[in-house]
């Protein structure tokens, strides 16, 4: 979970609440909110462990939250989307890429939220979030298979089948953190290029990507 929080630039506590559930008080009543979904991997010593598709679902949720939608609105959409897509993680499917706006708006109508929201504005926001997020994702067999997390650049990829899902230099398979740390240790990009036999542009992208995570 800490690695997911780092990559997504989300507070770890938020992820813990979303995927572990939480309780809040409404007057004298304690209200228990269930997890948005059950993570792909079993918990390890009470620590939440996430799979790749969990990561992508969280990426989409972050996009909706950043666009001003509330978590309860997103929760309602998620529940309705599961029925439409027939998948426990609908936001990371090809179907949501093509029909997500329609699914989202229909969920608003079913819950009555369309009466209190500016639907014309929301339609644009929802479509924008879906398009912007999927622009940086690669699909295979109707499911998101890879994420290009550095502004969509092809040089860096998160692929669950490679390097245990760490961000890596796509062509060379070297973790970006390894290249970035090597630049600090060696004092120059050219020396790291020689050590790992990779182009300077790849090392530079790895450094910039890791710095962008630290700056978040």
N, C-alpha and C. Protein backbone atom coordinates (compact mmCIF):
# COMPACT_ATOMS: atom_id res chain seq x y z
N UNK A 1 0.80 -1.21 0.00
CA UNK A 1 0.00 0.00 0.00
C UNK A 1 0.84 1.27 0.00
N UNK A 2 1.94 1.35 0.78
CA UNK A 2 2.78 2.56 0.71
C UNK A 2 3.30 2.84 -0.70
N UNK A 3 3.66 1.77 -1.43
CA UNK A 3 4.15 1.97 -2.79
C UNK A 3 3.03 2.48 -3.70
N UNK A 4 1.83 1.95 -3.53
CA UNK A 4 0.68 2.44 -4.30
C UNK A 4 0.41 3.90 -3.99
N UNK A 5 0.47 4.25 -2.72
CA UNK A 5 0.25 5.65 -2.32
C UNK A 5 1.30 6.56 -2.94
N UNK A 6 2.54 6.08 -2.99
CA UNK A 6 3.62 6.88 -3.59
C UNK A 6 3.38 7.10 -5.07
N UNK A 7 3.03 6.05 -5.79
CA UNK A 7 2.83 6.15 -7.23
C UNK A 7 1.61 7.00 -7.58
N UNK A 8 0.55 6.86 -6.79
CA UNK A 8 -0.70 7.56 -7.08
C UNK A 8 -0.75 8.97 -6.47
N UNK A 9 0.19 9.24 -5.57
CA UNK A 9 0.22 10.53 -4.89
C UNK A 9 -1.07 10.72 -4.08
N UNK A 10 -1.41 9.66 -3.35
CA UNK A 10 -2.58 9.64 -2.48
C UNK A 10 -2.10 9.36 -1.06
N UNK A 11 -2.72 9.96 -0.07
CA UNK A 11 -2.35 9.70 1.32
C UNK A 11 -2.61 8.22 1.65
N UNK A 12 -1.64 7.53 2.27
CA UNK A 12 -1.86 6.12 2.62
C UNK A 12 -3.11 5.91 3.46
N UNK A 13 -3.44 6.86 4.34
CA UNK A 13 -4.63 6.71 5.17
C UNK A 13 -5.89 6.64 4.32
N UNK A 14 -5.93 7.40 3.23
CA UNK A 14 -7.10 7.36 2.35
C UNK A 14 -7.28 5.98 1.75
N UNK A 15 -6.19 5.40 1.24
CA UNK A 15 -6.27 4.06 0.67
C UNK A 15 -6.70 3.06 1.72
N UNK A 16 -6.16 3.18 2.93
CA UNK A 16 -6.53 2.27 4.01
C UNK A 16 -8.03 2.35 4.31
N UNK A 17 -8.57 3.56 4.33
CA UNK A 17 -10.00 3.73 4.60
C UNK A 17 -10.84 3.19 3.45
N UNK A 18 -10.44 3.47 2.22
CA UNK A 18 -11.23 3.04 1.07
C UNK A 18 -11.26 1.53 0.92
N UNK A 19 -10.14 0.87 1.19
CA UNK A 19 -10.05 -0.57 0.95
C UNK A 19 -10.10 -1.40 2.24
N UNK A 20 -10.08 -0.74 3.38
CA UNK A 20 -10.21 -1.45 4.63
C UNK A 20 -11.51 -1.17 5.35
N UNK A 21 -12.26 -0.16 4.84
CA UNK A 21 -13.48 0.26 5.51
C UNK A 21 -13.18 1.14 6.71
N UNK A 22 -14.19 1.81 7.19
CA UNK A 22 -14.00 2.69 8.34
C UNK A 22 -15.35 2.96 9.00
N UNK A 23 -15.29 3.54 10.18
CA UNK A 23 -16.50 3.87 10.94
C UNK A 23 -16.49 5.36 11.26
N UNK A 24 -17.65 6.00 11.11
CA UNK A 24 -17.77 7.40 11.52
C UNK A 24 -19.05 7.57 12.34
N UNK A 25 -19.12 8.64 13.07
CA UNK A 25 -20.27 8.89 13.94
C UNK A 25 -21.23 9.87 13.28
N UNK A 26 -22.50 9.51 13.35
CA UNK A 26 -23.57 10.38 12.89
C UNK A 26 -24.46 10.65 14.11
N UNK A 27 -24.13 11.72 14.84
CA UNK A 27 -24.80 11.95 16.11
C UNK A 27 -24.34 10.90 17.12
N UNK A 28 -25.30 10.17 17.68
CA UNK A 28 -24.97 9.11 18.64
C UNK A 28 -24.76 7.76 17.96
N UNK A 29 -24.96 7.73 16.65
CA UNK A 29 -24.89 6.46 15.93
C UNK A 29 -23.53 6.28 15.27
N UNK A 30 -22.96 5.08 15.39
CA UNK A 30 -21.72 4.73 14.70
C UNK A 30 -22.10 4.08 13.36
N UNK A 31 -21.65 4.67 12.29
CA UNK A 31 -21.96 4.18 10.95
C UNK A 31 -20.72 3.52 10.36
N UNK A 32 -20.85 2.27 9.96
CA UNK A 32 -19.73 1.53 9.41
C UNK A 32 -19.80 1.55 7.89
N UNK A 33 -18.75 2.03 7.25
CA UNK A 33 -18.66 2.04 5.79
C UNK A 33 -17.81 0.86 5.34
N UNK A 34 -18.35 0.04 4.46
CA UNK A 34 -17.57 -1.11 3.99
C UNK A 34 -16.49 -0.67 3.01
N UNK A 35 -15.51 -1.53 2.74
CA UNK A 35 -14.50 -1.20 1.72
C UNK A 35 -15.17 -0.98 0.37
N UNK A 36 -14.53 -0.16 -0.46
CA UNK A 36 -15.03 0.01 -1.82
C UNK A 36 -15.00 -1.31 -2.58
N UNK A 37 -13.99 -2.11 -2.33
CA UNK A 37 -13.90 -3.47 -2.87
C UNK A 37 -12.84 -4.24 -2.06
N UNK A 38 -12.83 -5.54 -2.22
CA UNK A 38 -11.83 -6.37 -1.57
C UNK A 38 -10.58 -6.41 -2.44
N UNK A 39 -9.42 -6.08 -1.88
CA UNK A 39 -8.18 -6.11 -2.68
C UNK A 39 -7.93 -7.48 -3.29
N UNK A 40 -7.17 -7.49 -4.38
CA UNK A 40 -6.87 -8.73 -5.08
C UNK A 40 -6.08 -9.71 -4.22
N UNK A 41 -5.21 -9.18 -3.35
CA UNK A 41 -4.32 -10.02 -2.56
C UNK A 41 -4.79 -10.07 -1.12
N UNK A 42 -4.55 -11.19 -0.43
CA UNK A 42 -4.92 -11.26 0.99
C UNK A 42 -4.05 -10.34 1.82
N UNK A 43 -4.60 -9.87 2.93
CA UNK A 43 -3.83 -9.01 3.84
C UNK A 43 -2.68 -9.80 4.44
N UNK A 44 -1.60 -9.10 4.71
CA UNK A 44 -0.42 -9.72 5.32
C UNK A 44 -0.18 -9.08 6.67
N UNK A 45 -0.43 -9.84 7.74
CA UNK A 45 -0.27 -9.32 9.09
C UNK A 45 -1.01 -7.99 9.27
N UNK A 46 -2.26 -7.99 8.82
CA UNK A 46 -3.15 -6.83 8.92
C UNK A 46 -2.75 -5.66 8.02
N UNK A 47 -1.75 -5.87 7.15
CA UNK A 47 -1.38 -4.83 6.19
C UNK A 47 -2.10 -5.10 4.87
N UNK A 48 -2.70 -4.07 4.30
CA UNK A 48 -3.41 -4.22 3.03
C UNK A 48 -2.40 -4.40 1.91
N UNK A 49 -2.59 -5.44 1.11
CA UNK A 49 -1.73 -5.71 -0.04
C UNK A 49 -2.56 -5.53 -1.31
N UNK A 50 -2.00 -4.83 -2.29
CA UNK A 50 -2.75 -4.48 -3.48
C UNK A 50 -2.18 -5.16 -4.72
N UNK A 51 -3.08 -5.52 -5.63
CA UNK A 51 -2.69 -6.01 -6.94
C UNK A 51 -2.70 -4.88 -7.96
N UNK A 52 -2.30 -5.20 -9.18
CA UNK A 52 -2.19 -4.18 -10.22
C UNK A 52 -3.54 -3.54 -10.54
N UNK A 53 -4.57 -4.35 -10.62
CA UNK A 53 -5.88 -3.79 -10.96
C UNK A 53 -6.43 -2.93 -9.83
N UNK A 54 -6.10 -3.27 -8.59
CA UNK A 54 -6.45 -2.38 -7.48
C UNK A 54 -5.82 -1.01 -7.71
N UNK A 55 -4.58 -1.01 -8.14
CA UNK A 55 -3.86 0.24 -8.40
C UNK A 55 -4.58 1.08 -9.46
N UNK A 56 -5.03 0.44 -10.51
CA UNK A 56 -5.69 1.18 -11.60
C UNK A 56 -7.06 1.68 -11.17
N UNK A 57 -7.79 0.88 -10.39
CA UNK A 57 -9.07 1.36 -9.86
C UNK A 57 -8.86 2.61 -9.01
N UNK A 58 -7.83 2.59 -8.18
CA UNK A 58 -7.52 3.75 -7.34
C UNK A 58 -7.11 4.95 -8.19
N UNK A 59 -6.40 4.70 -9.28
CA UNK A 59 -6.01 5.77 -10.18
C UNK A 59 -7.25 6.48 -10.74
N UNK A 60 -8.25 5.70 -11.13
CA UNK A 60 -9.47 6.28 -11.67
C UNK A 60 -10.23 7.05 -10.58
N UNK A 61 -10.28 6.48 -9.39
CA UNK A 61 -10.97 7.15 -8.29
C UNK A 61 -10.30 8.48 -7.97
N UNK A 62 -8.97 8.49 -7.97
CA UNK A 62 -8.25 9.74 -7.72
C UNK A 62 -8.61 10.79 -8.77
N UNK A 63 -8.71 10.36 -10.02
CA UNK A 63 -9.09 11.29 -11.08
C UNK A 63 -10.46 11.90 -10.84
N UNK A 64 -11.42 11.08 -10.43
CA UNK A 64 -12.77 11.59 -10.16
C UNK A 64 -12.78 12.53 -8.95
N UNK A 65 -12.04 12.16 -7.90
CA UNK A 65 -11.98 13.02 -6.72
C UNK A 65 -11.33 14.36 -7.06
N UNK A 66 -10.24 14.32 -7.81
CA UNK A 66 -9.55 15.55 -8.21
C UNK A 66 -10.45 16.45 -9.05
N UNK A 67 -11.41 15.82 -9.76
CA UNK A 67 -12.33 16.59 -10.60
C UNK A 67 -13.52 17.15 -9.81
N UNK A 68 -13.57 16.83 -8.50
CA UNK A 68 -14.61 17.42 -7.67
C UNK A 68 -15.79 16.52 -7.35
N UNK A 69 -15.77 15.27 -7.80
CA UNK A 69 -16.85 14.36 -7.45
C UNK A 69 -16.65 13.84 -6.03
N UNK A 70 -17.73 13.53 -5.36
CA UNK A 70 -17.63 13.06 -3.97
C UNK A 70 -17.41 11.55 -3.95
N UNK A 71 -16.87 11.08 -2.84
CA UNK A 71 -16.62 9.64 -2.71
C UNK A 71 -17.92 8.85 -2.72
N UNK A 72 -18.99 9.39 -2.16
CA UNK A 72 -20.26 8.66 -2.17
C UNK A 72 -20.80 8.54 -3.59
N UNK A 73 -20.60 9.58 -4.41
CA UNK A 73 -21.00 9.51 -5.82
C UNK A 73 -20.19 8.44 -6.54
N UNK A 74 -18.89 8.41 -6.29
CA UNK A 74 -18.02 7.43 -6.93
C UNK A 74 -18.37 6.02 -6.45
N UNK A 75 -18.68 5.88 -5.16
CA UNK A 75 -19.06 4.57 -4.63
C UNK A 75 -20.32 4.06 -5.32
N UNK A 76 -21.31 4.94 -5.49
CA UNK A 76 -22.54 4.53 -6.15
C UNK A 76 -22.29 4.12 -7.59
N UNK A 77 -21.43 4.86 -8.28
CA UNK A 77 -21.10 4.52 -9.66
C UNK A 77 -20.38 3.18 -9.71
N UNK A 78 -19.46 2.97 -8.79
CA UNK A 78 -18.70 1.72 -8.76
C UNK A 78 -19.63 0.53 -8.60
N UNK A 79 -20.60 0.64 -7.70
CA UNK A 79 -21.53 -0.46 -7.47
C UNK A 79 -22.39 -0.72 -8.72
N UNK A 80 -22.84 0.36 -9.36
CA UNK A 80 -23.66 0.18 -10.56
C UNK A 80 -22.81 -0.37 -11.71
N UNK A 81 -21.56 0.12 -11.82
CA UNK A 81 -20.68 -0.32 -12.90
C UNK A 81 -20.37 -1.81 -12.78
N UNK A 82 -20.26 -2.31 -11.57
CA UNK A 82 -20.01 -3.75 -11.38
C UNK A 82 -21.12 -4.57 -12.04
N UNK A 83 -22.36 -4.11 -11.89
CA UNK A 83 -23.48 -4.84 -12.49
C UNK A 83 -23.42 -4.75 -14.01
N UNK A 84 -23.10 -3.57 -14.52
CA UNK A 84 -23.08 -3.37 -15.97
C UNK A 84 -21.94 -4.14 -16.64
N UNK A 85 -20.77 -4.10 -16.03
CA UNK A 85 -19.57 -4.67 -16.63
C UNK A 85 -19.38 -6.13 -16.24
N UNK A 86 -20.04 -6.55 -15.15
CA UNK A 86 -19.90 -7.90 -14.62
C UNK A 86 -18.44 -8.17 -14.23
N UNK A 87 -17.89 -7.23 -13.48
CA UNK A 87 -16.50 -7.34 -13.03
C UNK A 87 -16.39 -6.59 -11.70
N UNK A 88 -15.71 -7.19 -10.74
CA UNK A 88 -15.58 -6.54 -9.43
C UNK A 88 -14.76 -5.27 -9.49
N UNK A 89 -13.94 -5.13 -10.53
CA UNK A 89 -13.10 -3.93 -10.70
C UNK A 89 -13.41 -3.31 -12.06
N UNK A 90 -14.57 -2.69 -12.18
CA UNK A 90 -15.05 -2.26 -13.50
C UNK A 90 -14.27 -1.10 -14.10
N UNK A 91 -13.66 -0.25 -13.25
CA UNK A 91 -12.99 0.94 -13.77
C UNK A 91 -11.76 0.60 -14.60
N UNK A 92 -11.24 -0.62 -14.47
CA UNK A 92 -10.04 -1.00 -15.21
C UNK A 92 -10.35 -1.93 -16.38
N UNK A 93 -11.55 -1.75 -16.97
CA UNK A 93 -11.96 -2.58 -18.10
C UNK A 93 -12.17 -1.74 -19.36
N UNK A 94 -12.08 -2.42 -20.49
CA UNK A 94 -12.34 -1.75 -21.77
C UNK A 94 -13.77 -1.23 -21.83
N UNK A 95 -14.69 -1.97 -21.25
CA UNK A 95 -16.10 -1.55 -21.27
C UNK A 95 -16.26 -0.20 -20.58
N UNK A 96 -15.56 0.03 -19.47
CA UNK A 96 -15.69 1.31 -18.79
C UNK A 96 -15.05 2.42 -19.62
N UNK A 97 -14.01 2.07 -20.35
CA UNK A 97 -13.39 3.08 -21.22
C UNK A 97 -14.38 3.60 -22.26
N UNK A 98 -15.16 2.70 -22.82
CA UNK A 98 -16.08 3.09 -23.89
C UNK A 98 -17.43 3.58 -23.36
N UNK A 99 -17.92 2.99 -22.27
CA UNK A 99 -19.27 3.29 -21.79
C UNK A 99 -19.30 3.93 -20.41
N UNK A 100 -18.13 4.33 -19.90
CA UNK A 100 -18.05 4.83 -18.53
C UNK A 100 -18.93 6.03 -18.25
N UNK A 101 -18.98 6.95 -19.19
CA UNK A 101 -19.78 8.16 -18.96
C UNK A 101 -21.26 7.78 -18.84
N UNK A 102 -21.74 6.93 -19.73
CA UNK A 102 -23.13 6.49 -19.69
C UNK A 102 -23.44 5.74 -18.40
N UNK A 103 -22.53 4.85 -18.00
CA UNK A 103 -22.70 4.09 -16.76
C UNK A 103 -22.75 5.04 -15.58
N UNK A 104 -21.84 6.02 -15.56
CA UNK A 104 -21.77 6.96 -14.44
C UNK A 104 -23.06 7.77 -14.35
N UNK A 105 -23.52 8.29 -15.47
CA UNK A 105 -24.71 9.13 -15.45
C UNK A 105 -25.96 8.34 -15.08
N UNK A 106 -26.03 7.09 -15.54
CA UNK A 106 -27.19 6.25 -15.18
C UNK A 106 -27.18 5.95 -13.68
N UNK A 107 -25.99 5.78 -13.10
CA UNK A 107 -25.92 5.54 -11.66
C UNK A 107 -26.39 6.77 -10.90
N UNK A 108 -26.10 7.97 -11.42
CA UNK A 108 -26.58 9.20 -10.79
C UNK A 108 -28.10 9.27 -10.83
N UNK A 109 -28.67 8.88 -11.96
CA UNK A 109 -30.13 8.92 -12.09
C UNK A 109 -30.79 7.93 -11.14
N UNK A 110 -30.22 6.75 -11.01
CA UNK A 110 -30.81 5.73 -10.16
C UNK A 110 -30.77 6.11 -8.68
N UNK A 111 -29.75 6.86 -8.29
CA UNK A 111 -29.63 7.27 -6.89
C UNK A 111 -30.28 8.62 -6.63
N UNK A 112 -30.76 9.28 -7.69
CA UNK A 112 -31.38 10.58 -7.53
C UNK A 112 -30.40 11.73 -7.46
N UNK A 113 -29.12 11.44 -7.64
CA UNK A 113 -28.12 12.49 -7.56
C UNK A 113 -28.17 13.43 -8.76
N UNK A 114 -28.77 12.98 -9.85
CA UNK A 114 -28.84 13.87 -11.01
C UNK A 114 -29.72 15.08 -10.74
N UNK A 115 -30.53 15.03 -9.69
CA UNK A 115 -31.40 16.17 -9.38
C UNK A 115 -30.64 17.30 -8.68
N UNK A 116 -29.50 16.95 -8.08
CA UNK A 116 -28.76 17.97 -7.34
C UNK A 116 -27.43 18.34 -7.99
N UNK A 117 -27.06 17.62 -9.05
CA UNK A 117 -25.81 17.91 -9.74
C UNK A 117 -26.09 18.59 -11.08
N UNK A 118 -25.15 19.42 -11.51
CA UNK A 118 -25.21 20.02 -12.84
C UNK A 118 -24.77 18.96 -13.84
N UNK A 119 -25.74 18.26 -14.44
CA UNK A 119 -25.40 17.11 -15.27
C UNK A 119 -24.61 17.50 -16.51
N UNK A 120 -24.89 18.64 -17.08
CA UNK A 120 -24.15 19.05 -18.28
C UNK A 120 -22.67 19.19 -17.96
N UNK A 121 -22.39 19.81 -16.84
CA UNK A 121 -20.99 19.97 -16.41
C UNK A 121 -20.40 18.62 -16.03
N UNK A 122 -21.18 17.79 -15.32
CA UNK A 122 -20.67 16.50 -14.88
C UNK A 122 -20.37 15.57 -16.05
N UNK A 123 -21.19 15.62 -17.08
CA UNK A 123 -20.93 14.78 -18.25
C UNK A 123 -19.55 15.08 -18.83
N UNK A 124 -19.24 16.35 -18.92
CA UNK A 124 -17.95 16.75 -19.47
C UNK A 124 -16.82 16.31 -18.55
N UNK A 125 -16.98 16.51 -17.25
CA UNK A 125 -15.93 16.16 -16.28
C UNK A 125 -15.69 14.65 -16.29
N UNK A 126 -16.74 13.87 -16.28
CA UNK A 126 -16.61 12.42 -16.25
C UNK A 126 -15.91 11.91 -17.50
N UNK A 127 -16.34 12.39 -18.66
CA UNK A 127 -15.70 11.99 -19.91
C UNK A 127 -14.24 12.39 -19.94
N UNK A 128 -13.94 13.57 -19.43
CA UNK A 128 -12.56 14.06 -19.41
C UNK A 128 -11.68 13.18 -18.54
N UNK A 129 -12.16 12.82 -17.36
CA UNK A 129 -11.38 11.98 -16.45
C UNK A 129 -11.12 10.61 -17.08
N UNK A 130 -12.14 10.01 -17.65
CA UNK A 130 -11.99 8.68 -18.26
C UNK A 130 -11.01 8.73 -19.43
N UNK A 131 -11.16 9.70 -20.31
CA UNK A 131 -10.27 9.81 -21.46
C UNK A 131 -8.83 10.07 -21.04
N UNK A 132 -8.65 10.99 -20.09
CA UNK A 132 -7.30 11.33 -19.65
C UNK A 132 -6.62 10.14 -18.97
N UNK A 133 -7.36 9.39 -18.18
CA UNK A 133 -6.77 8.25 -17.47
C UNK A 133 -6.42 7.13 -18.43
N UNK A 134 -7.34 6.77 -19.30
CA UNK A 134 -7.09 5.66 -20.21
C UNK A 134 -6.04 5.99 -21.27
N UNK A 135 -5.78 7.26 -21.48
CA UNK A 135 -4.74 7.65 -22.43
C UNK A 135 -3.38 7.08 -22.03
N UNK A 136 -3.17 6.88 -20.74
CA UNK A 136 -1.89 6.40 -20.23
C UNK A 136 -1.91 4.91 -19.89
N UNK A 137 -2.97 4.21 -20.33
CA UNK A 137 -3.12 2.79 -20.01
C UNK A 137 -3.13 1.96 -21.28
N UNK A 138 -2.58 0.74 -21.18
CA UNK A 138 -2.62 -0.22 -22.28
C UNK A 138 -3.53 -1.37 -21.87
N UNK A 139 -4.39 -1.81 -22.79
CA UNK A 139 -5.33 -2.88 -22.49
C UNK A 139 -4.97 -4.14 -23.24
N UNK A 140 -5.30 -5.28 -22.64
CA UNK A 140 -5.15 -6.58 -23.27
C UNK A 140 -6.30 -7.46 -22.78
N UNK A 141 -6.97 -8.12 -23.71
CA UNK A 141 -8.12 -8.97 -23.35
C UNK A 141 -9.16 -8.21 -22.54
N UNK A 142 -9.40 -6.96 -22.94
CA UNK A 142 -10.45 -6.13 -22.35
C UNK A 142 -10.16 -5.65 -20.93
N UNK A 143 -8.94 -5.86 -20.46
CA UNK A 143 -8.55 -5.45 -19.10
C UNK A 143 -7.28 -4.61 -19.21
N UNK A 144 -7.15 -3.62 -18.33
CA UNK A 144 -5.92 -2.83 -18.31
C UNK A 144 -4.75 -3.75 -17.95
N UNK A 145 -3.70 -3.71 -18.79
CA UNK A 145 -2.56 -4.59 -18.60
C UNK A 145 -1.30 -3.84 -18.18
N UNK A 146 -1.19 -2.55 -18.55
CA UNK A 146 0.01 -1.76 -18.24
C UNK A 146 -0.39 -0.30 -18.03
N UNK A 147 0.43 0.38 -17.27
CA UNK A 147 0.24 1.82 -17.00
C UNK A 147 1.54 2.53 -17.32
N UNK A 148 1.44 3.62 -18.07
CA UNK A 148 2.60 4.47 -18.36
C UNK A 148 2.48 5.70 -17.45
N UNK A 149 3.10 5.67 -16.26
CA UNK A 149 2.79 6.65 -15.22
C UNK A 149 3.48 8.00 -15.35
N UNK A 150 4.44 8.12 -16.28
CA UNK A 150 5.18 9.39 -16.38
C UNK A 150 4.63 10.19 -17.56
N UNK A 151 3.47 10.83 -17.32
CA UNK A 151 2.82 11.64 -18.34
C UNK A 151 2.56 10.86 -19.62
N UNK A 152 2.36 9.56 -19.48
CA UNK A 152 2.06 8.72 -20.63
C UNK A 152 3.25 8.38 -21.50
N UNK A 153 4.45 8.77 -21.12
CA UNK A 153 5.63 8.50 -21.94
C UNK A 153 5.90 7.00 -22.03
N UNK A 154 6.35 6.58 -23.20
CA UNK A 154 6.59 5.15 -23.42
C UNK A 154 7.81 4.64 -22.69
N UNK A 155 8.66 5.53 -22.20
CA UNK A 155 9.93 5.11 -21.61
C UNK A 155 9.78 4.43 -20.26
N UNK A 156 8.67 4.69 -19.55
CA UNK A 156 8.48 4.15 -18.21
C UNK A 156 7.13 3.44 -18.15
N UNK A 157 7.13 2.25 -17.56
CA UNK A 157 5.90 1.47 -17.52
C UNK A 157 5.78 0.76 -16.17
N UNK A 158 4.52 0.59 -15.74
CA UNK A 158 4.19 -0.30 -14.62
C UNK A 158 3.45 -1.48 -15.23
N UNK A 159 4.09 -2.63 -15.15
CA UNK A 159 3.56 -3.85 -15.77
C UNK A 159 3.59 -4.95 -14.71
N UNK A 160 2.44 -5.52 -14.32
CA UNK A 160 2.43 -6.51 -13.24
C UNK A 160 3.22 -7.77 -13.58
N UNK A 161 3.54 -7.98 -14.85
CA UNK A 161 4.28 -9.16 -15.26
C UNK A 161 5.79 -8.93 -15.27
N UNK A 162 6.19 -7.71 -14.92
CA UNK A 162 7.63 -7.40 -14.96
C UNK A 162 8.06 -6.72 -13.67
N UNK A 163 9.17 -7.17 -13.12
CA UNK A 163 9.80 -6.55 -11.94
C UNK A 163 8.81 -6.37 -10.79
N UNK A 164 7.90 -7.33 -10.64
CA UNK A 164 6.92 -7.31 -9.54
C UNK A 164 6.09 -6.02 -9.54
N UNK A 165 5.86 -5.46 -10.73
CA UNK A 165 5.00 -4.27 -10.83
C UNK A 165 5.67 -2.97 -10.47
N UNK A 166 6.99 -2.96 -10.27
CA UNK A 166 7.68 -1.70 -10.03
C UNK A 166 7.72 -0.87 -11.31
N UNK A 167 7.76 0.46 -11.20
CA UNK A 167 7.99 1.28 -12.39
C UNK A 167 9.38 0.97 -12.95
N UNK A 168 9.44 0.67 -14.24
CA UNK A 168 10.70 0.30 -14.86
C UNK A 168 10.91 1.07 -16.15
N UNK A 169 12.18 1.13 -16.57
CA UNK A 169 12.49 1.60 -17.92
C UNK A 169 11.95 0.55 -18.88
N UNK A 170 10.96 0.92 -19.68
CA UNK A 170 10.16 -0.07 -20.40
C UNK A 170 10.99 -0.98 -21.28
N UNK A 171 11.94 -0.44 -22.00
CA UNK A 171 12.72 -1.24 -22.96
C UNK A 171 13.77 -2.10 -22.28
N UNK A 172 14.20 -1.68 -21.09
CA UNK A 172 15.35 -2.33 -20.46
C UNK A 172 15.01 -3.11 -19.19
N UNK A 173 13.84 -2.86 -18.60
CA UNK A 173 13.41 -3.61 -17.44
C UNK A 173 14.07 -3.23 -16.13
N UNK A 174 14.78 -2.11 -16.11
CA UNK A 174 15.48 -1.67 -14.90
C UNK A 174 14.56 -0.76 -14.10
N UNK A 175 14.35 -1.00 -12.81
CA UNK A 175 13.50 -0.12 -12.01
C UNK A 175 13.99 1.32 -12.06
N UNK A 176 13.04 2.24 -12.17
CA UNK A 176 13.40 3.66 -12.24
C UNK A 176 14.12 4.12 -10.98
N UNK A 177 13.75 3.57 -9.84
CA UNK A 177 14.40 3.97 -8.59
C UNK A 177 15.87 3.53 -8.59
N UNK A 178 16.17 2.40 -9.23
CA UNK A 178 17.55 1.95 -9.32
C UNK A 178 18.39 2.92 -10.13
N UNK A 179 17.86 3.36 -11.27
CA UNK A 179 18.59 4.30 -12.11
C UNK A 179 18.74 5.66 -11.42
N UNK A 180 17.66 6.11 -10.79
CA UNK A 180 17.72 7.42 -10.11
C UNK A 180 18.72 7.39 -8.95
N UNK A 181 18.70 6.32 -8.17
CA UNK A 181 19.65 6.20 -7.06
C UNK A 181 21.08 6.09 -7.57
N UNK A 182 21.26 5.44 -8.71
CA UNK A 182 22.60 5.30 -9.27
C UNK A 182 23.16 6.65 -9.70
N UNK A 183 22.31 7.52 -10.22
CA UNK A 183 22.76 8.86 -10.60
C UNK A 183 23.27 9.62 -9.38
N UNK A 184 22.54 9.48 -8.28
CA UNK A 184 22.98 10.14 -7.04
C UNK A 184 24.33 9.56 -6.59
N UNK A 185 24.45 8.23 -6.64
CA UNK A 185 25.67 7.57 -6.17
C UNK A 185 26.87 7.85 -7.08
N UNK A 186 26.64 7.85 -8.38
CA UNK A 186 27.73 8.01 -9.34
C UNK A 186 28.02 9.48 -9.67
N UNK A 187 27.04 10.33 -9.43
CA UNK A 187 27.27 11.75 -9.63
C UNK A 187 27.04 12.26 -11.03
N UNK A 188 26.64 11.38 -11.96
CA UNK A 188 26.40 11.86 -13.32
C UNK A 188 25.56 10.85 -14.10
N UNK A 189 24.79 11.35 -15.05
CA UNK A 189 23.98 10.48 -15.91
C UNK A 189 24.87 9.67 -16.86
N UNK A 190 25.91 10.28 -17.48
CA UNK A 190 26.75 9.48 -18.39
C UNK A 190 27.36 8.24 -17.73
N UNK A 191 27.78 8.34 -16.49
CA UNK A 191 28.36 7.18 -15.80
C UNK A 191 27.32 6.08 -15.62
N UNK A 192 26.09 6.46 -15.30
CA UNK A 192 25.03 5.47 -15.13
C UNK A 192 24.68 4.83 -16.48
N UNK A 193 24.70 5.63 -17.55
CA UNK A 193 24.46 5.08 -18.89
C UNK A 193 25.48 3.99 -19.20
N UNK A 194 26.73 4.25 -18.87
CA UNK A 194 27.79 3.27 -19.13
C UNK A 194 27.63 2.03 -18.26
N UNK A 195 27.26 2.22 -17.01
CA UNK A 195 27.12 1.09 -16.09
C UNK A 195 25.99 0.16 -16.50
N UNK A 196 24.84 0.73 -16.92
CA UNK A 196 23.66 -0.08 -17.21
C UNK A 196 23.41 -0.26 -18.71
N UNK A 197 24.25 0.38 -19.52
CA UNK A 197 24.12 0.28 -20.98
C UNK A 197 22.73 0.71 -21.45
N UNK A 198 22.31 1.89 -20.99
CA UNK A 198 21.03 2.46 -21.40
C UNK A 198 21.26 3.89 -21.88
N UNK A 199 20.39 4.40 -22.76
CA UNK A 199 20.56 5.76 -23.27
C UNK A 199 20.36 6.81 -22.17
N UNK A 200 20.95 7.97 -22.39
CA UNK A 200 20.83 9.07 -21.43
C UNK A 200 19.39 9.50 -21.26
N UNK A 201 18.60 9.46 -22.34
CA UNK A 201 17.20 9.90 -22.26
C UNK A 201 16.40 9.01 -21.30
N UNK A 202 16.73 7.72 -21.26
CA UNK A 202 16.03 6.79 -20.37
C UNK A 202 16.39 7.08 -18.92
N UNK A 203 17.68 7.31 -18.67
CA UNK A 203 18.11 7.62 -17.30
C UNK A 203 17.51 8.95 -16.85
N UNK A 204 17.52 9.92 -17.75
CA UNK A 204 16.97 11.23 -17.41
C UNK A 204 15.48 11.14 -17.08
N UNK A 205 14.74 10.35 -17.85
CA UNK A 205 13.31 10.17 -17.57
C UNK A 205 13.11 9.49 -16.21
N UNK A 206 13.94 8.51 -15.90
CA UNK A 206 13.83 7.82 -14.61
C UNK A 206 14.07 8.78 -13.46
N UNK A 207 15.08 9.63 -13.61
CA UNK A 207 15.38 10.62 -12.56
C UNK A 207 14.22 11.59 -12.40
N UNK A 208 13.73 12.11 -13.52
CA UNK A 208 12.63 13.08 -13.46
C UNK A 208 11.38 12.45 -12.88
N UNK A 209 11.12 11.20 -13.24
CA UNK A 209 9.93 10.52 -12.72
C UNK A 209 10.02 10.34 -11.21
N UNK A 210 11.15 9.84 -10.73
CA UNK A 210 11.31 9.64 -9.29
C UNK A 210 11.27 10.97 -8.53
N UNK A 211 11.79 12.01 -9.11
CA UNK A 211 11.74 13.33 -8.46
C UNK A 211 10.31 13.84 -8.41
N UNK A 212 9.52 13.55 -9.44
CA UNK A 212 8.12 13.98 -9.44
C UNK A 212 7.33 13.29 -8.32
N UNK A 213 7.69 12.04 -7.99
CA UNK A 213 7.03 11.36 -6.89
C UNK A 213 7.41 11.96 -5.55
N UNK A 214 8.68 12.33 -5.42
CA UNK A 214 9.13 12.94 -4.17
C UNK A 214 8.50 14.31 -3.95
N UNK A 215 8.23 15.01 -5.07
CA UNK A 215 7.69 16.38 -4.97
C UNK A 215 6.20 16.40 -4.67
N UNK A 216 5.55 15.25 -4.81
CA UNK A 216 4.08 15.21 -4.62
C UNK A 216 3.71 15.42 -3.16
